[in-house]
Amino acid sequence: GDDLRQDQLVLQLFALMDRLLRDVNLDVRITPYHVLATSPQDGLVQFIPSVTVAAAVAQYGDLLSYLRFHYPDHENAATFHVQAQVLDTFVRSCAGYCVITYLLGVGDRHLDN
């Protein structure tokens, strides 16, 4: 039971804030998933096949080990042996989500979402 109308509104605000930030040349590389509320009790949530942070840490010990395994760059110690673009996207999106959720007062973020 969550009311998906709230999720839909928050994700629309994420998309708006992302566009506003891009307009001032600040790309935080967020990719909000889509939600369509069809009633107060029903709706559709976009399925994104991926692994949660909690699952990655449980399997690999830490997030950096997960990134090294899936996106290795064995010759670049400056990026912790992770592909530079992957590390850049991770850092930007993490910072972007932190700032946007803080500004919106979103309080239910945890490692499983």
PDB file of N, CA and C in Angstrom:
ATOM      1  N   GLY A   1       0.337  -1.161   0.000  1.00  0.00           N
ATOM      2  CA  GLY A   1       0.000   0.000   0.000  1.00  0.00           C
ATOM      3  C   GLY A   1       0.395   1.362   0.000  1.00  0.00           C
ATOM      4  N   ASP A   2       1.404   1.747  -0.739  1.00  0.00           N
ATOM      5  CA  ASP A   2       1.755   3.162  -0.838  1.00  0.00           C
ATOM      6  C   ASP A   2       0.809   3.872  -1.800  1.00  0.00           C
ATOM      7  N   ASP A   3       0.598   5.154  -1.563  1.00  0.00           N
ATOM      8  CA  ASP A   3      -0.166   5.991  -2.477  1.00  0.00           C
ATOM      9  C   ASP A   3       0.797   6.456  -3.564  1.00  0.00           C
ATOM     10  N   LEU A   4       0.677   5.871  -4.753  1.00  0.00           N
ATOM     11  CA  LEU A   4       1.618   6.166  -5.832  1.00  0.00           C
ATOM     12  C   LEU A   4       1.489   7.589  -6.360  1.00  0.00           C
ATOM     13  N   ARG A   5       0.422   8.287  -6.008  1.00  0.00           N
ATOM     14  CA  ARG A   5       0.296   9.678  -6.450  1.00  0.00           C
ATOM     15  C   ARG A   5       1.414  10.529  -5.853  1.00  0.00           C
ATOM     16  N   GLN A   6       1.783  10.240  -4.607  1.00  0.00           N
ATOM     17  CA  GLN A   6       2.884  10.981  -3.980  1.00  0.00           C
ATOM     18  C   GLN A   6       4.201  10.679  -4.683  1.00  0.00           C
ATOM     19  N   ASP A   7       4.449   9.397  -4.976  1.00  0.00           N
ATOM     20  CA  ASP A   7       5.670   9.019  -5.686  1.00  0.00           C
ATOM     21  C   ASP A   7       5.717   9.681  -7.059  1.00  0.00           C
ATOM     22  N   GLN A   8       4.585   9.678  -7.756  1.00  0.00           N
ATOM     23  CA  GLN A   8       4.526  10.273  -9.083  1.00  0.00           C
ATOM     24  C   GLN A   8       4.866  11.761  -9.014  1.00  0.00           C
ATOM     25  N   LEU A   9       4.311  12.462  -8.044  1.00  0.00           N
ATOM     26  CA  LEU A   9       4.579  13.890  -7.887  1.00  0.00           C
ATOM     27  C   LEU A   9       6.051  14.144  -7.574  1.00  0.00           C
ATOM     28  N   VAL A  10       6.611  13.392  -6.643  1.00  0.00           N
ATOM     29  CA  VAL A  10       8.015  13.583  -6.265  1.00  0.00           C
ATOM     30  C   VAL A  10       8.929  13.316  -7.459  1.00  0.00           C
ATOM     31  N   LEU A  11       8.647  12.276  -8.220  1.00  0.00           N
ATOM     32  CA  LEU A  11       9.494  11.965  -9.376  1.00  0.00           C
ATOM     33  C   LEU A  11       9.340  13.001 -10.481  1.00  0.00           C
ATOM     34  N   GLN A  12       8.171  13.602 -10.615  1.00  0.00           N
ATOM     35  CA  GLN A  12       8.004  14.708 -11.555  1.00  0.00           C
ATOM     36  C   GLN A  12       8.823  15.913 -11.100  1.00  0.00           C
ATOM     37  N   LEU A  13       8.874  16.147  -9.792  1.00  0.00           N
ATOM     38  CA  LEU A  13       9.702  17.230  -9.263  1.00  0.00           C
ATOM     39  C   LEU A  13      11.187  16.942  -9.482  1.00  0.00           C
ATOM     40  N   PHE A  14      11.596  15.669  -9.341  1.00  0.00           N
ATOM     41  CA  PHE A  14      12.978  15.284  -9.646  1.00  0.00           C
ATOM     42  C   PHE A  14      13.311  15.645 -11.092  1.00  0.00           C
ATOM     43  N   ALA A  15      12.421  15.281 -12.013  1.00  0.00           N
ATOM     44  CA  ALA A  15      12.654  15.554 -13.433  1.00  0.00           C
ATOM     45  C   ALA A  15      12.725  17.057 -13.687  1.00  0.00           C
ATOM     46  N   LEU A  16      11.849  17.825 -13.046  1.00  0.00           N
ATOM     47  CA  LEU A  16      11.869  19.278 -13.197  1.00  0.00           C
ATOM     48  C   LEU A  16      13.179  19.859 -12.671  1.00  0.00           C
ATOM     49  N   MET A  17      13.596  19.437 -11.488  1.00  0.00           N
ATOM     50  CA  MET A  17      14.843  19.950 -10.913  1.00  0.00           C
ATOM     51  C   MET A  17      16.038  19.557 -11.779  1.00  0.00           C
ATOM     52  N   ASP A  18      16.016  18.359 -12.336  1.00  0.00           N
ATOM     53  CA  ASP A  18      17.083  17.925 -13.233  1.00  0.00           C
ATOM     54  C   ASP A  18      17.153  18.841 -14.454  1.00  0.00           C
ATOM     55  N   ARG A  19      15.996  19.160 -15.051  1.00  0.00           N
ATOM     56  CA  ARG A  19      15.979  20.062 -16.211  1.00  0.00           C
ATOM     57  C   ARG A  19      16.484  21.455 -15.834  1.00  0.00           C
ATOM     58  N   LEU A  20      16.058  21.959 -14.673  1.00  0.00           N
ATOM     59  CA  LEU A  20      16.510  23.285 -14.239  1.00  0.00           C
ATOM     60  C   LEU A  20      18.019  23.309 -14.018  1.00  0.00           C
ATOM     61  N   LEU A  21      18.557  22.261 -13.430  1.00  0.00           N
ATOM     62  CA  LEU A  21      20.004  22.185 -13.216  1.00  0.00           C
ATOM     63  C   LEU A  21      20.755  22.089 -14.540  1.00  0.00           C
ATOM     64  N   ARG A  22      20.217  21.328 -15.487  1.00  0.00           N
ATOM     65  CA  ARG A  22      20.866  21.226 -16.805  1.00  0.00           C
ATOM     66  C   ARG A  22      20.848  22.567 -17.528  1.00  0.00           C
ATOM     67  N   ASP A  23      19.792  23.364 -17.312  1.00  0.00           N
ATOM     68  CA  ASP A  23      19.706  24.686 -17.940  1.00  0.00           C
ATOM     69  C   ASP A  23      20.834  25.604 -17.500  1.00  0.00           C
ATOM     70  N   VAL A  24      21.387  25.364 -16.319  1.00  0.00           N
ATOM     71  CA  VAL A  24      22.520  26.168 -15.843  1.00  0.00           C
ATOM     72  C   VAL A  24      23.820  25.359 -15.922  1.00  0.00           C
ATOM     73  N   ASN A  25      23.845  24.392 -16.849  1.00  0.00           N
ATOM     74  CA  ASN A  25      25.027  23.562 -17.130  1.00  0.00           C
ATOM     75  C   ASN A  25      25.513  22.760 -15.928  1.00  0.00           C
ATOM     76  N   LEU A  26      24.589  22.242 -15.156  1.00  0.00           N
ATOM     77  CA  LEU A  26      24.936  21.364 -14.044  1.00  0.00           C
ATOM     78  C   LEU A  26      24.194  20.048 -14.238  1.00  0.00           C
ATOM     79  N   ASP A  27      24.890  19.085 -14.803  1.00  0.00           N
ATOM     80  CA  ASP A  27      24.293  17.778 -15.079  1.00  0.00           C
ATOM     81  C   ASP A  27      24.615  16.840 -13.928  1.00  0.00           C
ATOM     82  N   VAL A  28      23.606  16.536 -13.118  1.00  0.00           N
ATOM     83  CA  VAL A  28      23.816  15.634 -11.988  1.00  0.00           C
ATOM     84  C   VAL A  28      23.497  14.186 -12.350  1.00  0.00           C
ATOM     85  N   ARG A  29      23.202  13.951 -13.603  1.00  0.00           N
ATOM     86  CA  ARG A  29      23.035  12.606 -14.165  1.00  0.00           C
ATOM     87  C   ARG A  29      22.056  11.726 -13.400  1.00  0.00           C
ATOM     88  N   ILE A  30      20.938  12.302 -13.026  1.00  0.00           N
ATOM     89  CA  ILE A  30      19.918  11.467 -12.400  1.00  0.00           C
ATOM     90  C   ILE A  30      18.990  10.931 -13.486  1.00  0.00           C
ATOM     91  N   THR A  31      18.450   9.762 -13.244  1.00  0.00           N
ATOM     92  CA  THR A  31      17.514   9.132 -14.167  1.00  0.00           C
ATOM     93  C   THR A  31      16.340   8.599 -13.348  1.00  0.00           C
ATOM     94  N   PRO A  32      15.370   9.462 -13.069  1.00  0.00           N
ATOM     95  CA  PRO A  32      14.238   8.995 -12.268  1.00  0.00           C
ATOM     96  C   PRO A  32      13.438   7.927 -13.020  1.00  0.00           C
ATOM     97  N   TYR A  33      12.968   6.930 -12.291  1.00  0.00           N
ATOM     98  CA  TYR A  33      12.086   5.941 -12.901  1.00  0.00           C
ATOM     99  C   TYR A  33      10.695   6.551 -13.020  1.00  0.00           C
ATOM    100  N   HIS A  34       9.823   5.889 -13.750  1.00  0.00           N
ATOM    101  CA  HIS A  34       8.495   6.438 -14.008  1.00  0.00           C
ATOM    102  C   HIS A  34       7.431   5.751 -13.154  1.00  0.00           C
ATOM    103  N   VAL A  35       6.470   6.554 -12.721  1.00  0.00           N
ATOM    104  CA  VAL A  35       5.330   6.063 -11.944  1.00  0.00           C
ATOM    105  C   VAL A  35       4.072   6.667 -12.553  1.00  0.00           C
ATOM    106  N   LEU A  36       3.051   5.833 -12.711  1.00  0.00           N
ATOM    107  CA  LEU A  36       1.761   6.310 -13.184  1.00  0.00           C
ATOM    108  C   LEU A  36       0.698   5.834 -12.202  1.00  0.00           C
ATOM    109  N   ALA A  37       0.179   6.768 -11.424  1.00  0.00           N
ATOM    110  CA  ALA A  37      -0.894   6.437 -10.481  1.00  0.00           C
ATOM    111  C   ALA A  37      -2.206   6.443 -11.251  1.00  0.00           C
ATOM    112  N   THR A  38      -2.956   5.355 -11.162  1.00  0.00           N
ATOM    113  CA  THR A  38      -4.246   5.270 -11.850  1.00  0.00           C
ATOM    114  C   THR A  38      -5.416   5.482 -10.896  1.00  0.00           C
ATOM    115  N   SER A  39      -5.149   5.410  -9.606  1.00  0.00           N
ATOM    116  CA  SER A  39      -6.141   5.687  -8.562  1.00  0.00           C
ATOM    117  C   SER A  39      -5.368   5.821  -7.253  1.00  0.00           C
ATOM    118  N   PRO A  40      -6.026   6.189  -6.157  1.00  0.00           N
ATOM    119  CA  PRO A  40      -5.302   6.274  -4.882  1.00  0.00           C
ATOM    120  C   PRO A  40      -4.691   4.947  -4.439  1.00  0.00           C
ATOM    121  N   GLN A  41      -5.249   3.829  -4.895  1.00  0.00           N
ATOM    122  CA  GLN A  41      -4.735   2.526  -4.470  1.00  0.00           C
ATOM    123  C   GLN A  41      -3.988   1.762  -5.565  1.00  0.00           C
ATOM    124  N   ASP A  42      -4.017   2.223  -6.802  1.00  0.00           N
ATOM    125  CA  ASP A  42      -3.453   1.458  -7.914  1.00  0.00           C
ATOM    126  C   ASP A  42      -2.533   2.315  -8.763  1.00  0.00           C
ATOM    127  N   GLY A  43      -1.669   1.631  -9.504  1.00  0.00           N
ATOM    128  CA  GLY A  43      -0.801   2.342 -10.421  1.00  0.00           C
ATOM    129  C   GLY A  43       0.262   1.428 -10.987  1.00  0.00           C
ATOM    130  N   LEU A  44       1.116   2.013 -11.792  1.00  0.00           N
ATOM    131  CA  LEU A  44       2.200   1.292 -12.444  1.00  0.00           C
ATOM    132  C   LEU A  44       3.528   1.930 -12.066  1.00  0.00           C
ATOM    133  N   VAL A  45       4.518   1.096 -11.796  1.00  0.00           N
ATOM    134  CA  VAL A  45       5.863   1.561 -11.472  1.00  0.00           C
ATOM    135  C   VAL A  45       6.810   0.934 -12.482  1.00  0.00           C
ATOM    136  N   GLN A  46       7.679   1.754 -13.079  1.00  0.00           N
ATOM    137  CA  GLN A  46       8.634   1.245 -14.062  1.00  0.00           C
ATOM    138  C   GLN A  46       9.559   0.228 -13.413  1.00  0.00           C
ATOM    139  N   PHE A  47       9.721  -0.899 -14.068  1.00  0.00           N
ATOM    140  CA  PHE A  47      10.649  -1.930 -13.602  1.00  0.00           C
ATOM    141  C   PHE A  47      12.029  -1.624 -14.152  1.00  0.00           C
ATOM    142  N   ILE A  48      13.016  -1.595 -13.277  1.00  0.00           N
ATOM    143  CA  ILE A  48      14.399  -1.365 -13.685  1.00  0.00           C
ATOM    144  C   ILE A  48      15.218  -2.544 -13.199  1.00  0.00           C
ATOM    145  N   PRO A  49      15.676  -3.386 -14.136  1.00  0.00           N
ATOM    146  CA  PRO A  49      16.480  -4.540 -13.714  1.00  0.00           C
ATOM    147  C   PRO A  49      17.856  -4.070 -13.246  1.00  0.00           C
ATOM    148  N   SER A  50      18.091  -4.193 -11.979  1.00  0.00           N
ATOM    149  CA  SER A  50      19.379  -3.776 -11.430  1.00  0.00           C
ATOM    150  C   SER A  50      19.565  -4.434 -10.070  1.00  0.00           C
ATOM    151  N   VAL A  51      20.659  -4.092  -9.444  1.00  0.00           N
ATOM    152  CA  VAL A  51      20.944  -4.602  -8.112  1.00  0.00           C
ATOM    153  C   VAL A  51      20.887  -3.421  -7.144  1.00  0.00           C
ATOM    154  N   THR A  52      20.336  -3.631  -5.963  1.00  0.00           N
ATOM    155  CA  THR A  52      20.299  -2.555  -4.976  1.00  0.00           C
ATOM    156  C   THR A  52      21.688  -2.371  -4.371  1.00  0.00           C
ATOM    157  N   VAL A  53      21.902  -1.217  -3.784  1.00  0.00           N
ATOM    158  CA  VAL A  53      23.176  -0.955  -3.121  1.00  0.00           C
ATOM    159  C   VAL A  53      23.401  -1.974  -2.009  1.00  0.00           C
ATOM    160  N   ALA A  54      22.354  -2.279  -1.262  1.00  0.00           N
ATOM    161  CA  ALA A  54      22.489  -3.248  -0.165  1.00  0.00           C
ATOM    162  C   ALA A  54      22.918  -4.615  -0.688  1.00  0.00           C
ATOM    163  N   ALA A  55      22.347  -5.050  -1.805  1.00  0.00           N
ATOM    164  CA  ALA A  55      22.718  -6.349  -2.377  1.00  0.00           C
ATOM    165  C   ALA A  55      24.148  -6.332  -2.906  1.00  0.00           C
ATOM    166  N   ALA A  56      24.560  -5.229  -3.529  1.00  0.00           N
ATOM    167  CA  ALA A  56      25.930  -5.122  -4.045  1.00  0.00           C
ATOM    168  C   ALA A  56      26.940  -5.168  -2.907  1.00  0.00           C
ATOM    169  N   VAL A  57      26.657  -4.458  -1.834  1.00  0.00           N
ATOM    170  CA  VAL A  57      27.564  -4.452  -0.682  1.00  0.00           C
ATOM    171  C   VAL A  57      27.599  -5.829  -0.029  1.00  0.00           C
ATOM    172  N   ALA A  58      26.452  -6.481   0.068  1.00  0.00           N
ATOM    173  CA  ALA A  58      26.413  -7.822   0.664  1.00  0.00           C
ATOM    174  C   ALA A  58      27.237  -8.811  -0.151  1.00  0.00           C
ATOM    175  N   GLN A  59      27.179  -8.701  -1.476  1.00  0.00           N
ATOM    176  CA  GLN A  59      27.888  -9.655  -2.328  1.00  0.00           C
ATOM    177  C   GLN A  59      29.367  -9.321  -2.490  1.00  0.00           C
ATOM    178  N   TYR A  60      29.704  -8.034  -2.611  1.00  0.00           N
ATOM    179  CA  TYR A  60      31.073  -7.638  -2.936  1.00  0.00           C
ATOM    180  C   TYR A  60      31.829  -7.016  -1.764  1.00  0.00           C
ATOM    181  N   GLY A  61      31.184  -6.804  -0.646  1.00  0.00           N
ATOM    182  CA  GLY A  61      31.852  -6.236   0.513  1.00  0.00           C
ATOM    183  C   GLY A  61      31.741  -4.727   0.599  1.00  0.00           C
ATOM    184  N   ASP A  62      31.803  -4.054  -0.544  1.00  0.00           N
ATOM    185  CA  ASP A  62      31.616  -2.607  -0.607  1.00  0.00           C
ATOM    186  C   ASP A  62      31.278  -2.217  -2.034  1.00  0.00           C
ATOM    187  N   LEU A  63      30.807  -0.998  -2.205  1.00  0.00           N
ATOM    188  CA  LEU A  63      30.359  -0.541  -3.513  1.00  0.00           C
ATOM    189  C   LEU A  63      31.516  -0.388  -4.493  1.00  0.00           C
ATOM    190  N   LEU A  64      32.667   0.047  -4.017  1.00  0.00           N
ATOM    191  CA  LEU A  64      33.822   0.205  -4.895  1.00  0.00           C
ATOM    192  C   LEU A  64      34.243  -1.135  -5.493  1.00  0.00           C
ATOM    193  N   SER A  65      34.207  -2.190  -4.725  1.00  0.00           N
ATOM    194  CA  SER A  65      34.539  -3.524  -5.245  1.00  0.00           C
ATOM    195  C   SER A  65      33.544  -3.948  -6.320  1.00  0.00           C
ATOM    196  N   TYR A  66      32.276  -3.628  -6.124  1.00  0.00           N
ATOM    197  CA  TYR A  66      31.253  -3.918  -7.137  1.00  0.00           C
ATOM    198  C   TYR A  66      31.580  -3.187  -8.435  1.00  0.00           C
ATOM    199  N   LEU A  67      31.893  -1.891  -8.338  1.00  0.00           N
ATOM    200  CA  LEU A  67      32.211  -1.107  -9.533  1.00  0.00           C
ATOM    201  C   LEU A  67      33.482  -1.614 -10.211  1.00  0.00           C
ATOM    202  N   ARG A  68      34.489  -1.965  -9.434  1.00  0.00           N
ATOM    203  CA  ARG A  68      35.728  -2.511 -10.011  1.00  0.00           C
ATOM    204  C   ARG A  68      35.468  -3.813 -10.765  1.00  0.00           C
ATOM    205  N   PHE A  69      34.590  -4.647 -10.228  1.00  0.00           N
ATOM    206  CA  PHE A  69      34.304  -5.935 -10.857  1.00  0.00           C
ATOM    207  C   PHE A  69      33.534  -5.750 -12.164  1.00  0.00           C
ATOM    208  N   HIS A  70      32.524  -4.883 -12.162  1.00  0.00           N
ATOM    209  CA  HIS A  70      31.651  -4.729 -13.324  1.00  0.00           C
ATOM    210  C   HIS A  70      32.139  -3.694 -14.331  1.00  0.00           C
ATOM    211  N   TYR A  71      32.950  -2.729 -13.902  1.00  0.00           N
ATOM    212  CA  TYR A  71      33.423  -1.659 -14.788  1.00  0.00           C
ATOM    213  C   TYR A  71      34.914  -1.413 -14.569  1.00  0.00           C
ATOM    214  N   PRO A  72      35.745  -2.430 -14.804  1.00  0.00           N
ATOM    215  CA  PRO A  72      37.168  -2.300 -14.469  1.00  0.00           C
ATOM    216  C   PRO A  72      37.940  -1.389 -15.422  1.00  0.00           C
ATOM    217  N   ASP A  73      38.916  -0.721 -14.871  1.00  0.00           N
ATOM    218  CA  ASP A  73      39.932   0.010 -15.634  1.00  0.00           C
ATOM    219  C   ASP A  73      41.234  -0.258 -14.902  1.00  0.00           C
ATOM    220  N   HIS A  74      41.886  -1.339 -15.277  1.00  0.00           N
ATOM    221  CA  HIS A  74      43.050  -1.837 -14.543  1.00  0.00           C
ATOM    222  C   HIS A  74      44.251  -0.895 -14.588  1.00  0.00           C
ATOM    223  N   GLU A  75      44.251   0.045 -15.521  1.00  0.00           N
ATOM    224  CA  GLU A  75      45.428   0.899 -15.695  1.00  0.00           C
ATOM    225  C   GLU A  75      45.277   2.284 -15.082  1.00  0.00           C
ATOM    226  N   ASN A  76      44.136   2.617 -14.524  1.00  0.00           N
ATOM    227  CA  ASN A  76      43.909   3.977 -14.054  1.00  0.00           C
ATOM    228  C   ASN A  76      43.691   4.008 -12.540  1.00  0.00           C
ATOM    229  N   ALA A  77      44.770   4.157 -11.807  1.00  0.00           N
ATOM    230  CA  ALA A  77      44.679   4.216 -10.344  1.00  0.00           C
ATOM    231  C   ALA A  77      43.987   5.493  -9.870  1.00  0.00           C
ATOM    232  N   ALA A  78      44.010   6.545 -10.691  1.00  0.00           N
ATOM    233  CA  ALA A  78      43.387   7.813 -10.305  1.00  0.00           C
ATOM    234  C   ALA A  78      41.878   7.673 -10.131  1.00  0.00           C
ATOM    235  N   THR A  79      41.274   6.706 -10.818  1.00  0.00           N
ATOM    236  CA  THR A  79      39.832   6.479 -10.685  1.00  0.00           C
ATOM    237  C   THR A  79      39.556   5.198  -9.901  1.00  0.00           C
ATOM    238  N   PHE A  80      40.509   4.807  -9.068  1.00  0.00           N
ATOM    239  CA  PHE A  80      40.364   3.623  -8.215  1.00  0.00           C
ATOM    240  C   PHE A  80      40.156   2.352  -9.035  1.00  0.00           C
ATOM    241  N   HIS A  81      40.703   2.346 -10.259  1.00  0.00           N
ATOM    242  CA  HIS A  81      40.600   1.207 -11.186  1.00  0.00           C
ATOM    243  C   HIS A  81      39.163   0.938 -11.620  1.00  0.00           C
ATOM    244  N   VAL A  82      38.365   1.995 -11.674  1.00  0.00           N
ATOM    245  CA  VAL A  82      37.000   1.945 -12.196  1.00  0.00           C
ATOM    246  C   VAL A  82      36.962   2.869 -13.408  1.00  0.00           C
ATOM    247  N   GLN A  83      36.198   2.492 -14.440  1.00  0.00           N
ATOM    248  CA  GLN A  83      36.086   3.341 -15.622  1.00  0.00           C
ATOM    249  C   GLN A  83      35.698   4.761 -15.200  1.00  0.00           C
ATOM    250  N   ALA A  84      36.406   5.750 -15.728  1.00  0.00           N
ATOM    251  CA  ALA A  84      36.219   7.141 -15.311  1.00  0.00           C
ATOM    252  C   ALA A  84      34.784   7.616 -15.500  1.00  0.00           C
ATOM    253  N   GLN A  85      34.165   7.288 -16.622  1.00  0.00           N
ATOM    254  CA  GLN A  85      32.800   7.743 -16.879  1.00  0.00           C
ATOM    255  C   GLN A  85      31.814   7.131 -15.887  1.00  0.00           C
ATOM    256  N   VAL A  86      32.020   5.876 -15.525  1.00  0.00           N
ATOM    257  CA  VAL A  86      31.145   5.206 -14.557  1.00  0.00           C
ATOM    258  C   VAL A  86      31.282   5.865 -13.188  1.00  0.00           C
ATOM    259  N   LEU A  87      32.507   6.117 -12.769  1.00  0.00           N
ATOM    260  CA  LEU A  87      32.736   6.753 -11.473  1.00  0.00           C
ATOM    261  C   LEU A  87      32.159   8.168 -11.450  1.00  0.00           C
ATOM    262  N   ASP A  88      32.338   8.915 -12.543  1.00  0.00           N
ATOM    263  CA  ASP A  88      31.804  10.269 -12.641  1.00  0.00           C
ATOM    264  C   ASP A  88      30.273  10.260 -12.554  1.00  0.00           C
ATOM    265  N   THR A  89      29.651   9.344 -13.276  1.00  0.00           N
ATOM    266  CA  THR A  89      28.191   9.234 -13.239  1.00  0.00           C
ATOM    267  C   THR A  89      27.707   8.875 -11.841  1.00  0.00           C
ATOM    268  N   PHE A  90      28.391   7.940 -11.187  1.00  0.00           N
ATOM    269  CA  PHE A  90      28.000   7.547  -9.831  1.00  0.00           C
ATOM    270  C   PHE A  90      28.087   8.733  -8.871  1.00  0.00           C
ATOM    271  N   VAL A  91      29.201   9.446  -8.892  1.00  0.00           N
ATOM    272  CA  VAL A  91      29.402  10.567  -7.965  1.00  0.00           C
ATOM    273  C   VAL A  91      28.381  11.671  -8.225  1.00  0.00           C
ATOM    274  N   ARG A  92      28.184  12.031  -9.496  1.00  0.00           N
ATOM    275  CA  ARG A  92      27.229  13.096  -9.827  1.00  0.00           C
ATOM    276  C   ARG A  92      25.800  12.715  -9.427  1.00  0.00           C
ATOM    277  N   SER A  93      25.401  11.482  -9.755  1.00  0.00           N
ATOM    278  CA  SER A  93      24.021  11.084  -9.459  1.00  0.00           C
ATOM    279  C   SER A  93      23.795  10.947  -7.955  1.00  0.00           C
ATOM    280  N   CYS A  94      24.778  10.447  -7.240  1.00  0.00           N
ATOM    281  CA  CYS A  94      24.652  10.332  -5.789  1.00  0.00           C
ATOM    282  C   CYS A  94      24.505  11.722  -5.163  1.00  0.00           C
ATOM    283  N   ALA A  95      25.349  12.651  -5.586  1.00  0.00           N
ATOM    284  CA  ALA A  95      25.263  14.020  -5.075  1.00  0.00           C
ATOM    285  C   ALA A  95      23.933  14.660  -5.462  1.00  0.00           C
ATOM    286  N   GLY A  96      23.519  14.461  -6.703  1.00  0.00           N
ATOM    287  CA  GLY A  96      22.258  15.031  -7.175  1.00  0.00           C
ATOM    288  C   GLY A  96      21.065  14.521  -6.388  1.00  0.00           C
ATOM    289  N   TYR A  97      20.995  13.210  -6.198  1.00  0.00           N
ATOM    290  CA  TYR A  97      19.884  12.639  -5.432  1.00  0.00           C
ATOM    291  C   TYR A  97      19.912  13.114  -3.981  1.00  0.00           C
ATOM    292  N   CYS A  98      21.096  13.221  -3.394  1.00  0.00           N
ATOM    293  CA  CYS A  98      21.192  13.700  -2.006  1.00  0.00           C
ATOM    294  C   CYS A  98      20.656  15.116  -1.875  1.00  0.00           C
ATOM    295  N   VAL A  99      21.077  16.003  -2.767  1.00  0.00           N
ATOM    296  CA  VAL A  99      20.647  17.402  -2.706  1.00  0.00           C
ATOM    297  C   VAL A  99      19.150  17.518  -2.979  1.00  0.00           C
ATOM    298  N   ILE A 100      18.679  16.848  -4.031  1.00  0.00           N
ATOM    299  CA  ILE A 100      17.268  16.969  -4.401  1.00  0.00           C
ATOM    300  C   ILE A 100      16.357  16.373  -3.329  1.00  0.00           C
ATOM    301  N   THR A 101      16.700  15.211  -2.789  1.00  0.00           N
ATOM    302  CA  THR A 101      15.849  14.627  -1.744  1.00  0.00           C
ATOM    303  C   THR A 101      15.865  15.487  -0.482  1.00  0.00           C
ATOM    304  N   TYR A 102      17.006  16.112  -0.195  1.00  0.00           N
ATOM    305  CA  TYR A 102      17.068  17.016   0.961  1.00  0.00           C
ATOM    306  C   TYR A 102      16.151  18.217   0.736  1.00  0.00           C
ATOM    307  N   LEU A 103      16.253  18.836  -0.451  1.00  0.00           N
ATOM    308  CA  LEU A 103      15.435  20.012  -0.747  1.00  0.00           C
ATOM    309  C   LEU A 103      13.943  19.686  -0.742  1.00  0.00           C
ATOM    310  N   LEU A 104      13.590  18.484  -1.182  1.00  0.00           N
ATOM    311  CA  LEU A 104      12.184  18.084  -1.216  1.00  0.00           C
ATOM    312  C   LEU A 104      11.694  17.513   0.111  1.00  0.00           C
ATOM    313  N   GLY A 105      12.611  17.278   1.041  1.00  0.00           N
ATOM    314  CA  GLY A 105      12.228  16.725   2.332  1.00  0.00           C
ATOM    315  C   GLY A 105      11.828  15.263   2.271  1.00  0.00           C
ATOM    316  N   VAL A 106      12.386  14.531   1.313  1.00  0.00           N
ATOM    317  CA  VAL A 106      12.080  13.105   1.183  1.00  0.00           C
ATOM    318  C   VAL A 106      12.820  12.374   2.292  1.00  0.00           C
ATOM    319  N   GLY A 107      12.083  11.637   3.126  1.00  0.00           N
ATOM    320  CA  GLY A 107      12.702  11.041   4.299  1.00  0.00           C
ATOM    321  C   GLY A 107      12.771   9.536   4.337  1.00  0.00           C
ATOM    322  N   ASP A 108      12.323   8.838   3.293  1.00  0.00           N
ATOM    323  CA  ASP A 108      12.297   7.373   3.379  1.00  0.00           C
ATOM    324  C   ASP A 108      13.373   6.710   2.531  1.00  0.00           C
ATOM    325  N   ARG A 109      14.458   7.391   2.252  1.00  0.00           N
ATOM    326  CA  ARG A 109      15.520   6.803   1.426  1.00  0.00           C
ATOM    327  C   ARG A 109      16.376   5.883   2.285  1.00  0.00           C
ATOM    328  N   HIS A 110      16.672   4.719   1.760  1.00  0.00           N
ATOM    329  CA  HIS A 110      17.542   3.758   2.431  1.00  0.00           C
ATOM    330  C   HIS A 110      18.221   2.922   1.362  1.00  0.00           C
ATOM    331  N   LEU A 111      19.066   1.975   1.743  1.00  0.00           N
ATOM    332  CA  LEU A 111      19.883   1.244   0.784  1.00  0.00           C
ATOM    333  C   LEU A 111      19.086   0.346  -0.151  1.00  0.00           C
ATOM    334  N   ASP A 112      17.832   0.069   0.135  1.00  0.00           N
ATOM    335  CA  ASP A 112      17.040  -0.784  -0.745  1.00  0.00           C
ATOM    336  C   ASP A 112      16.226  -0.007  -1.768  1.00  0.00           C
ATOM    337  N   ASN A 113      16.358   1.322  -1.809  1.00  0.00           N
ATOM    338  CA  ASN A 113      15.624   2.060  -2.842  1.00  0.00           C
ATOM    339  C   ASN A 113      16.387   3.265  -3.333  1.00  0.00           C
TER     340      ASN A 113
END
